[in-house]
N, C-alpha and C. Protein backbone atom coordinates (compact mmCIF):
# COMPACT_ATOMS: atom_id res chain seq x y z
N UNK A 1 36.31 -106.67 11.26
CA UNK A 1 37.49 -106.81 10.43
C UNK A 1 38.64 -106.09 11.12
N UNK A 2 39.77 -106.76 11.27
CA UNK A 2 40.93 -106.08 11.83
C UNK A 2 41.61 -105.31 10.74
N UNK A 3 42.35 -104.32 11.15
CA UNK A 3 43.03 -103.50 10.18
C UNK A 3 44.50 -103.40 10.53
N UNK A 4 45.23 -102.65 9.74
CA UNK A 4 46.66 -102.45 9.92
C UNK A 4 47.39 -103.78 10.07
N UNK A 5 47.13 -104.66 9.13
CA UNK A 5 47.79 -105.95 9.05
C UNK A 5 47.55 -106.80 10.28
N UNK A 6 46.32 -106.83 10.73
CA UNK A 6 45.97 -107.72 11.81
C UNK A 6 46.36 -107.22 13.19
N UNK A 7 46.86 -106.01 13.32
CA UNK A 7 47.25 -105.50 14.63
C UNK A 7 46.04 -105.05 15.43
N UNK A 8 44.87 -105.02 14.81
CA UNK A 8 43.66 -104.65 15.51
C UNK A 8 43.52 -103.17 15.77
N UNK A 9 44.39 -102.35 15.23
CA UNK A 9 44.32 -100.91 15.41
C UNK A 9 43.54 -100.29 14.26
N UNK A 10 42.94 -99.14 14.55
CA UNK A 10 42.29 -98.39 13.48
C UNK A 10 43.35 -97.77 12.59
N UNK A 11 43.13 -97.83 11.32
CA UNK A 11 44.03 -97.19 10.37
C UNK A 11 43.45 -95.82 9.99
N UNK A 12 44.33 -94.89 9.74
CA UNK A 12 43.92 -93.58 9.24
C UNK A 12 44.14 -93.56 7.73
N UNK A 13 43.06 -93.35 7.00
CA UNK A 13 43.11 -93.34 5.55
C UNK A 13 42.79 -91.92 5.10
N UNK A 14 43.64 -91.38 4.24
CA UNK A 14 43.41 -90.05 3.69
C UNK A 14 42.91 -90.19 2.26
N UNK A 15 41.70 -89.72 2.01
CA UNK A 15 41.14 -89.68 0.67
C UNK A 15 41.32 -88.27 0.13
N UNK A 16 42.03 -88.14 -0.98
CA UNK A 16 42.25 -86.85 -1.63
C UNK A 16 41.42 -86.88 -2.91
N UNK A 17 40.27 -86.23 -2.85
CA UNK A 17 39.27 -86.35 -3.93
C UNK A 17 38.43 -85.09 -3.97
N UNK A 18 38.22 -84.54 -5.16
CA UNK A 18 37.39 -83.34 -5.28
C UNK A 18 35.99 -83.62 -5.83
N UNK A 19 35.72 -84.85 -6.23
CA UNK A 19 34.41 -85.19 -6.78
C UNK A 19 33.48 -85.65 -5.65
N UNK A 20 32.41 -84.87 -5.36
CA UNK A 20 31.51 -85.22 -4.27
C UNK A 20 30.90 -86.62 -4.42
N UNK A 21 30.61 -87.03 -5.64
CA UNK A 21 30.04 -88.36 -5.87
C UNK A 21 31.00 -89.47 -5.49
N UNK A 22 32.28 -89.31 -5.83
CA UNK A 22 33.28 -90.32 -5.48
C UNK A 22 33.56 -90.33 -3.98
N UNK A 23 33.49 -89.16 -3.35
CA UNK A 23 33.65 -89.10 -1.89
C UNK A 23 32.51 -89.87 -1.23
N UNK A 24 31.28 -89.62 -1.70
CA UNK A 24 30.11 -90.29 -1.14
C UNK A 24 30.21 -91.80 -1.32
N UNK A 25 30.60 -92.26 -2.51
CA UNK A 25 30.72 -93.69 -2.77
C UNK A 25 31.80 -94.33 -1.90
N UNK A 26 32.90 -93.63 -1.70
CA UNK A 26 33.97 -94.17 -0.87
C UNK A 26 33.50 -94.30 0.58
N UNK A 27 32.83 -93.28 1.08
CA UNK A 27 32.29 -93.35 2.44
C UNK A 27 31.28 -94.49 2.56
N UNK A 28 30.46 -94.66 1.53
CA UNK A 28 29.46 -95.73 1.52
C UNK A 28 30.15 -97.10 1.55
N UNK A 29 31.24 -97.24 0.81
CA UNK A 29 31.97 -98.51 0.80
C UNK A 29 32.49 -98.85 2.19
N UNK A 30 33.01 -97.86 2.89
CA UNK A 30 33.51 -98.09 4.24
C UNK A 30 32.37 -98.41 5.20
N UNK A 31 31.26 -97.71 5.05
CA UNK A 31 30.10 -97.94 5.92
C UNK A 31 29.51 -99.33 5.67
N UNK A 32 29.32 -99.70 4.40
CA UNK A 32 28.73 -100.99 4.05
C UNK A 32 29.57 -102.15 4.58
N UNK A 33 30.86 -101.99 4.53
CA UNK A 33 31.78 -103.05 4.94
C UNK A 33 32.03 -103.01 6.45
N UNK A 34 31.49 -101.99 7.10
CA UNK A 34 31.72 -101.79 8.53
C UNK A 34 33.22 -101.79 8.83
N UNK A 35 33.94 -101.08 7.99
CA UNK A 35 35.40 -101.02 8.10
C UNK A 35 35.76 -100.17 9.32
N UNK A 36 36.57 -100.76 10.18
CA UNK A 36 36.94 -100.11 11.45
C UNK A 36 38.16 -99.22 11.27
N UNK A 37 38.11 -98.35 10.32
CA UNK A 37 39.20 -97.42 10.08
C UNK A 37 38.63 -96.02 10.00
N UNK A 38 39.50 -95.03 10.08
CA UNK A 38 39.07 -93.65 10.04
C UNK A 38 39.40 -93.06 8.68
N UNK A 39 38.38 -92.56 8.00
CA UNK A 39 38.56 -91.95 6.69
C UNK A 39 38.56 -90.43 6.83
N UNK A 40 39.65 -89.81 6.42
CA UNK A 40 39.79 -88.36 6.39
C UNK A 40 39.69 -87.95 4.93
N UNK A 41 39.02 -86.84 4.66
CA UNK A 41 38.82 -86.40 3.28
C UNK A 41 39.31 -84.96 3.13
N UNK A 42 40.12 -84.75 2.09
CA UNK A 42 40.51 -83.40 1.68
C UNK A 42 40.22 -83.31 0.18
N UNK A 43 39.98 -82.09 -0.30
CA UNK A 43 39.45 -81.95 -1.66
C UNK A 43 40.40 -81.32 -2.67
N UNK A 44 41.65 -81.04 -2.29
CA UNK A 44 42.60 -80.55 -3.28
C UNK A 44 44.02 -80.87 -2.84
N UNK A 45 44.96 -80.67 -3.76
CA UNK A 45 46.35 -81.05 -3.50
C UNK A 45 47.02 -80.23 -2.42
N UNK A 46 46.69 -78.95 -2.32
CA UNK A 46 47.29 -78.11 -1.28
C UNK A 46 46.84 -78.58 0.09
N UNK A 47 45.55 -78.84 0.22
CA UNK A 47 45.02 -79.33 1.49
C UNK A 47 45.59 -80.72 1.82
N UNK A 48 45.79 -81.54 0.82
CA UNK A 48 46.39 -82.87 1.04
C UNK A 48 47.79 -82.73 1.63
N UNK A 49 48.58 -81.84 1.05
CA UNK A 49 49.94 -81.64 1.56
C UNK A 49 49.93 -81.04 2.96
N UNK A 50 48.99 -80.14 3.23
CA UNK A 50 48.86 -79.60 4.59
C UNK A 50 48.54 -80.73 5.57
N UNK A 51 47.65 -81.62 5.20
CA UNK A 51 47.29 -82.76 6.06
C UNK A 51 48.52 -83.66 6.26
N UNK A 52 49.18 -84.01 5.16
CA UNK A 52 50.31 -84.94 5.23
C UNK A 52 51.51 -84.36 5.98
N UNK A 53 51.70 -83.05 5.89
CA UNK A 53 52.82 -82.40 6.58
C UNK A 53 52.39 -81.74 7.89
N UNK A 54 51.13 -81.95 8.28
CA UNK A 54 50.58 -81.47 9.55
C UNK A 54 50.83 -79.97 9.75
N UNK A 55 50.30 -79.19 8.83
CA UNK A 55 50.47 -77.74 8.92
C UNK A 55 49.14 -77.03 8.66
N UNK A 56 49.12 -75.73 8.98
CA UNK A 56 47.93 -74.88 8.82
C UNK A 56 46.73 -75.49 9.55
N UNK A 57 45.59 -75.63 8.88
CA UNK A 57 44.39 -76.17 9.54
C UNK A 57 44.52 -77.64 9.93
N UNK A 58 45.57 -78.30 9.47
CA UNK A 58 45.73 -79.74 9.74
C UNK A 58 46.93 -80.02 10.65
N UNK A 59 47.27 -79.07 11.51
CA UNK A 59 48.43 -79.24 12.40
C UNK A 59 48.28 -80.45 13.32
N UNK A 60 47.04 -80.80 13.66
CA UNK A 60 46.80 -81.94 14.56
C UNK A 60 46.38 -83.20 13.81
N UNK A 61 46.54 -83.21 12.50
CA UNK A 61 46.12 -84.37 11.70
C UNK A 61 46.98 -85.59 12.03
N UNK A 62 46.38 -86.77 12.04
CA UNK A 62 47.18 -87.98 12.23
C UNK A 62 47.95 -88.31 10.96
N UNK A 63 49.05 -89.01 11.12
CA UNK A 63 49.80 -89.48 9.96
C UNK A 63 48.98 -90.60 9.31
N UNK A 64 48.66 -90.46 8.03
CA UNK A 64 47.86 -91.52 7.38
C UNK A 64 48.65 -92.81 7.22
N UNK A 65 47.94 -93.92 7.33
CA UNK A 65 48.53 -95.23 7.06
C UNK A 65 48.44 -95.55 5.58
N UNK A 66 47.51 -94.89 4.89
CA UNK A 66 47.27 -95.12 3.47
C UNK A 66 46.65 -93.86 2.88
N UNK A 67 47.08 -93.50 1.67
CA UNK A 67 46.50 -92.34 0.97
C UNK A 67 45.87 -92.84 -0.32
N UNK A 68 44.64 -92.43 -0.57
CA UNK A 68 43.95 -92.67 -1.84
C UNK A 68 43.93 -91.33 -2.55
N UNK A 69 44.64 -91.24 -3.67
CA UNK A 69 44.92 -89.95 -4.31
C UNK A 69 44.37 -89.89 -5.73
N UNK A 70 43.49 -88.93 -5.96
CA UNK A 70 43.05 -88.63 -7.32
C UNK A 70 44.15 -87.81 -7.99
N UNK A 71 44.29 -87.92 -9.31
CA UNK A 71 45.30 -87.15 -10.02
C UNK A 71 44.81 -85.76 -10.41
N UNK A 72 43.55 -85.67 -10.79
CA UNK A 72 42.99 -84.41 -11.31
C UNK A 72 42.38 -83.61 -10.17
N UNK A 73 43.22 -82.80 -9.54
CA UNK A 73 42.80 -82.03 -8.37
C UNK A 73 43.01 -80.54 -8.60
N UNK A 74 42.22 -79.71 -7.93
CA UNK A 74 42.46 -78.28 -7.99
C UNK A 74 43.70 -77.88 -7.17
N UNK A 75 44.21 -76.73 -7.47
CA UNK A 75 45.35 -76.07 -6.82
C UNK A 75 46.68 -76.80 -7.00
N UNK A 76 46.80 -78.04 -6.64
CA UNK A 76 47.97 -78.87 -6.94
C UNK A 76 47.45 -80.23 -7.36
N UNK A 77 47.97 -80.76 -8.45
CA UNK A 77 47.45 -82.04 -8.92
C UNK A 77 48.12 -83.21 -8.18
N UNK A 78 47.64 -84.40 -8.45
CA UNK A 78 48.15 -85.59 -7.78
C UNK A 78 49.63 -85.83 -8.01
N UNK A 79 50.12 -85.53 -9.21
CA UNK A 79 51.55 -85.69 -9.49
C UNK A 79 52.39 -84.80 -8.57
N UNK A 80 51.94 -83.58 -8.37
CA UNK A 80 52.66 -82.66 -7.50
C UNK A 80 52.66 -83.14 -6.05
N UNK A 81 51.54 -83.71 -5.62
CA UNK A 81 51.46 -84.27 -4.27
C UNK A 81 52.44 -85.44 -4.14
N UNK A 82 52.44 -86.35 -5.11
CA UNK A 82 53.37 -87.48 -5.07
C UNK A 82 54.82 -87.01 -5.04
N UNK A 83 55.13 -86.02 -5.83
CA UNK A 83 56.50 -85.51 -5.90
C UNK A 83 56.96 -84.96 -4.55
N UNK A 84 56.11 -84.16 -3.90
CA UNK A 84 56.49 -83.59 -2.60
C UNK A 84 56.61 -84.67 -1.53
N UNK A 85 55.74 -85.66 -1.58
CA UNK A 85 55.84 -86.76 -0.61
C UNK A 85 57.13 -87.54 -0.81
N UNK A 86 57.45 -87.82 -2.05
CA UNK A 86 58.65 -88.61 -2.35
C UNK A 86 59.92 -87.88 -1.92
N UNK A 87 59.90 -86.56 -1.96
CA UNK A 87 61.08 -85.78 -1.59
C UNK A 87 61.31 -85.73 -0.08
N UNK A 88 60.31 -86.10 0.71
CA UNK A 88 60.43 -86.02 2.16
C UNK A 88 60.73 -87.41 2.75
N UNK A 89 61.91 -87.60 3.33
CA UNK A 89 62.29 -88.92 3.85
C UNK A 89 61.34 -89.47 4.92
N UNK A 90 60.72 -88.60 5.70
CA UNK A 90 59.84 -89.08 6.76
C UNK A 90 58.44 -89.45 6.27
N UNK A 91 58.11 -89.11 5.03
CA UNK A 91 56.77 -89.39 4.52
C UNK A 91 56.76 -90.26 3.26
N UNK A 92 57.90 -90.52 2.69
CA UNK A 92 57.92 -91.27 1.42
C UNK A 92 57.48 -92.72 1.58
N UNK A 93 57.48 -93.24 2.81
CA UNK A 93 57.04 -94.63 3.02
C UNK A 93 55.53 -94.77 3.17
N UNK A 94 54.82 -93.67 3.23
CA UNK A 94 53.35 -93.76 3.32
C UNK A 94 52.84 -94.31 2.00
N UNK A 95 52.14 -95.44 2.01
CA UNK A 95 51.61 -95.98 0.75
C UNK A 95 50.57 -95.04 0.14
N UNK A 96 50.75 -94.77 -1.14
CA UNK A 96 49.82 -93.91 -1.87
C UNK A 96 49.27 -94.69 -3.06
N UNK A 97 47.97 -94.86 -3.08
CA UNK A 97 47.29 -95.52 -4.18
C UNK A 97 46.63 -94.43 -5.02
N UNK A 98 47.03 -94.34 -6.28
CA UNK A 98 46.38 -93.41 -7.19
C UNK A 98 45.04 -94.01 -7.57
N UNK A 99 43.99 -93.24 -7.34
CA UNK A 99 42.62 -93.68 -7.61
C UNK A 99 42.01 -92.60 -8.49
N UNK A 100 41.97 -92.86 -9.80
CA UNK A 100 41.64 -91.81 -10.76
C UNK A 100 40.79 -92.35 -11.90
N UNK A 101 40.22 -91.44 -12.66
CA UNK A 101 39.43 -91.84 -13.82
C UNK A 101 40.32 -92.01 -15.06
N UNK A 102 41.56 -91.58 -14.98
CA UNK A 102 42.45 -91.64 -16.14
C UNK A 102 42.93 -93.06 -16.43
N UNK A 103 42.80 -93.45 -17.68
CA UNK A 103 43.34 -94.73 -18.14
C UNK A 103 44.57 -94.52 -19.00
N UNK A 104 45.06 -93.29 -19.08
CA UNK A 104 46.19 -92.96 -19.93
C UNK A 104 47.46 -93.63 -19.44
N UNK A 105 48.14 -94.32 -20.34
CA UNK A 105 49.37 -95.02 -19.99
C UNK A 105 50.42 -94.07 -19.41
N UNK A 106 50.49 -92.84 -19.94
CA UNK A 106 51.48 -91.89 -19.42
C UNK A 106 51.18 -91.51 -17.97
N UNK A 107 49.92 -91.49 -17.56
CA UNK A 107 49.58 -91.22 -16.16
C UNK A 107 50.00 -92.39 -15.27
N UNK A 108 49.79 -93.60 -15.75
CA UNK A 108 50.20 -94.79 -15.00
C UNK A 108 51.71 -94.77 -14.80
N UNK A 109 52.45 -94.58 -15.88
CA UNK A 109 53.92 -94.58 -15.83
C UNK A 109 54.43 -93.47 -14.90
N UNK A 110 53.89 -92.27 -15.07
CA UNK A 110 54.35 -91.15 -14.25
C UNK A 110 54.06 -91.38 -12.77
N UNK A 111 52.90 -91.94 -12.46
CA UNK A 111 52.55 -92.20 -11.06
C UNK A 111 53.55 -93.16 -10.42
N UNK A 112 53.89 -94.22 -11.14
CA UNK A 112 54.86 -95.18 -10.60
C UNK A 112 56.26 -94.57 -10.54
N UNK A 113 56.61 -93.73 -11.51
CA UNK A 113 57.91 -93.04 -11.45
C UNK A 113 57.99 -92.14 -10.23
N UNK A 114 56.86 -91.60 -9.81
CA UNK A 114 56.80 -90.75 -8.61
C UNK A 114 56.56 -91.58 -7.35
N UNK A 115 56.74 -92.88 -7.47
CA UNK A 115 56.70 -93.81 -6.33
C UNK A 115 55.31 -94.09 -5.76
N UNK A 116 54.28 -94.02 -6.59
CA UNK A 116 52.96 -94.47 -6.14
C UNK A 116 53.06 -95.96 -5.83
N UNK A 117 52.30 -96.40 -4.83
CA UNK A 117 52.30 -97.81 -4.45
C UNK A 117 51.36 -98.64 -5.32
N UNK A 118 50.44 -97.96 -6.00
CA UNK A 118 49.50 -98.64 -6.87
C UNK A 118 48.73 -97.63 -7.69
N UNK A 119 48.07 -98.12 -8.73
CA UNK A 119 47.31 -97.26 -9.63
C UNK A 119 46.02 -97.98 -9.97
N UNK A 120 44.89 -97.38 -9.65
CA UNK A 120 43.59 -97.95 -9.95
C UNK A 120 42.76 -96.96 -10.74
N UNK A 121 42.09 -97.46 -11.77
CA UNK A 121 41.17 -96.63 -12.53
C UNK A 121 39.78 -96.83 -11.94
N UNK A 122 39.11 -95.73 -11.63
CA UNK A 122 37.79 -95.78 -11.02
C UNK A 122 36.78 -96.40 -12.00
N UNK A 123 36.06 -97.41 -11.55
CA UNK A 123 34.99 -97.92 -12.41
C UNK A 123 33.86 -96.89 -12.51
N UNK A 124 33.18 -96.87 -13.63
CA UNK A 124 32.06 -95.96 -13.83
C UNK A 124 30.85 -96.42 -13.04
N UNK A 125 30.64 -97.73 -12.96
CA UNK A 125 29.49 -98.29 -12.25
C UNK A 125 29.67 -98.11 -10.73
N UNK A 126 28.70 -97.50 -10.04
CA UNK A 126 28.84 -97.26 -8.60
C UNK A 126 29.04 -98.53 -7.78
N UNK A 127 28.36 -99.61 -8.13
CA UNK A 127 28.52 -100.87 -7.39
C UNK A 127 29.94 -101.40 -7.54
N UNK A 128 30.48 -101.34 -8.75
CA UNK A 128 31.85 -101.78 -8.98
C UNK A 128 32.85 -100.89 -8.24
N UNK A 129 32.56 -99.59 -8.18
CA UNK A 129 33.42 -98.66 -7.45
C UNK A 129 33.47 -99.04 -5.97
N UNK A 130 32.32 -99.27 -5.37
CA UNK A 130 32.25 -99.64 -3.95
C UNK A 130 33.00 -100.95 -3.72
N UNK A 131 32.80 -101.94 -4.58
CA UNK A 131 33.49 -103.22 -4.43
C UNK A 131 35.00 -103.05 -4.53
N UNK A 132 35.47 -102.20 -5.43
CA UNK A 132 36.90 -101.97 -5.58
C UNK A 132 37.48 -101.33 -4.31
N UNK A 133 36.79 -100.36 -3.74
CA UNK A 133 37.26 -99.72 -2.51
C UNK A 133 37.32 -100.74 -1.37
N UNK A 134 36.34 -101.61 -1.28
CA UNK A 134 36.34 -102.62 -0.23
C UNK A 134 37.48 -103.62 -0.40
N UNK A 135 37.76 -104.01 -1.63
CA UNK A 135 38.89 -104.91 -1.90
C UNK A 135 40.22 -104.22 -1.60
N UNK A 136 40.32 -102.96 -1.97
CA UNK A 136 41.52 -102.18 -1.70
C UNK A 136 41.77 -102.13 -0.19
N UNK A 137 40.74 -101.86 0.58
CA UNK A 137 40.88 -101.81 2.03
C UNK A 137 41.33 -103.15 2.59
N UNK A 138 40.69 -104.22 2.14
CA UNK A 138 41.06 -105.55 2.66
C UNK A 138 42.52 -105.86 2.35
N UNK A 139 42.96 -105.57 1.14
CA UNK A 139 44.33 -105.87 0.75
C UNK A 139 45.33 -105.02 1.53
N UNK A 140 45.17 -103.70 1.48
CA UNK A 140 46.18 -102.81 2.05
C UNK A 140 46.17 -102.77 3.57
N UNK A 141 45.03 -102.97 4.19
CA UNK A 141 44.96 -102.81 5.63
C UNK A 141 44.72 -104.10 6.40
N UNK A 142 44.49 -105.19 5.71
CA UNK A 142 44.33 -106.47 6.39
C UNK A 142 45.40 -107.47 6.01
N UNK A 143 45.83 -107.45 4.76
CA UNK A 143 46.79 -108.43 4.28
C UNK A 143 48.22 -107.88 4.29
N UNK A 144 48.39 -106.70 3.73
CA UNK A 144 49.73 -106.11 3.63
C UNK A 144 50.24 -105.67 5.00
N UNK A 145 51.54 -105.77 5.18
CA UNK A 145 52.17 -105.24 6.38
C UNK A 145 52.69 -103.85 6.04
N UNK A 146 52.24 -102.86 6.80
CA UNK A 146 52.63 -101.48 6.57
C UNK A 146 53.69 -101.08 7.59
N UNK A 147 54.56 -100.15 7.22
CA UNK A 147 55.56 -99.68 8.19
C UNK A 147 54.86 -98.89 9.30
N UNK A 148 55.42 -99.01 10.50
CA UNK A 148 54.89 -98.20 11.60
C UNK A 148 55.48 -96.81 11.49
N UNK A 149 54.85 -95.88 12.19
CA UNK A 149 55.35 -94.50 12.16
C UNK A 149 56.75 -94.40 12.76
N UNK A 150 57.09 -95.32 13.66
CA UNK A 150 58.38 -95.26 14.33
C UNK A 150 59.48 -95.94 13.53
N UNK A 151 59.17 -96.55 12.38
CA UNK A 151 60.18 -97.24 11.59
C UNK A 151 61.30 -96.28 11.21
N UNK A 152 62.55 -96.78 11.21
CA UNK A 152 63.67 -95.90 10.87
C UNK A 152 63.62 -95.44 9.43
């Protein structure tokens, strides 16, 4: 499967998730689909921002092509991560998909107000979760055209 909108390049995907079970299922989805992309995992909002802004332990981190962001995170929550990303002109174009267990309408509205590119509620069933991750990957990294890092 080609990625990054058919350019044949590996995409860097940042998963921001503190639930070990959801991390495992996401990795399994990528493995099962033989997705030719690189999945980076951080477990809280502070570490996510360090990765995204390439600082501290993540000074050499690649710029993600796509971020999968849980809302309920330790240290800084997903809303705070979205807010800081949106405030930075060089990072606000990175697509961020909120991937959370919350079905609350106020969370959906707030995520879009903070410029999330999409909002998905995690299915409880592990098979459905894996299928959703695989569909998400196909859509965002095979069908959609993403901005390059050099875009103005």
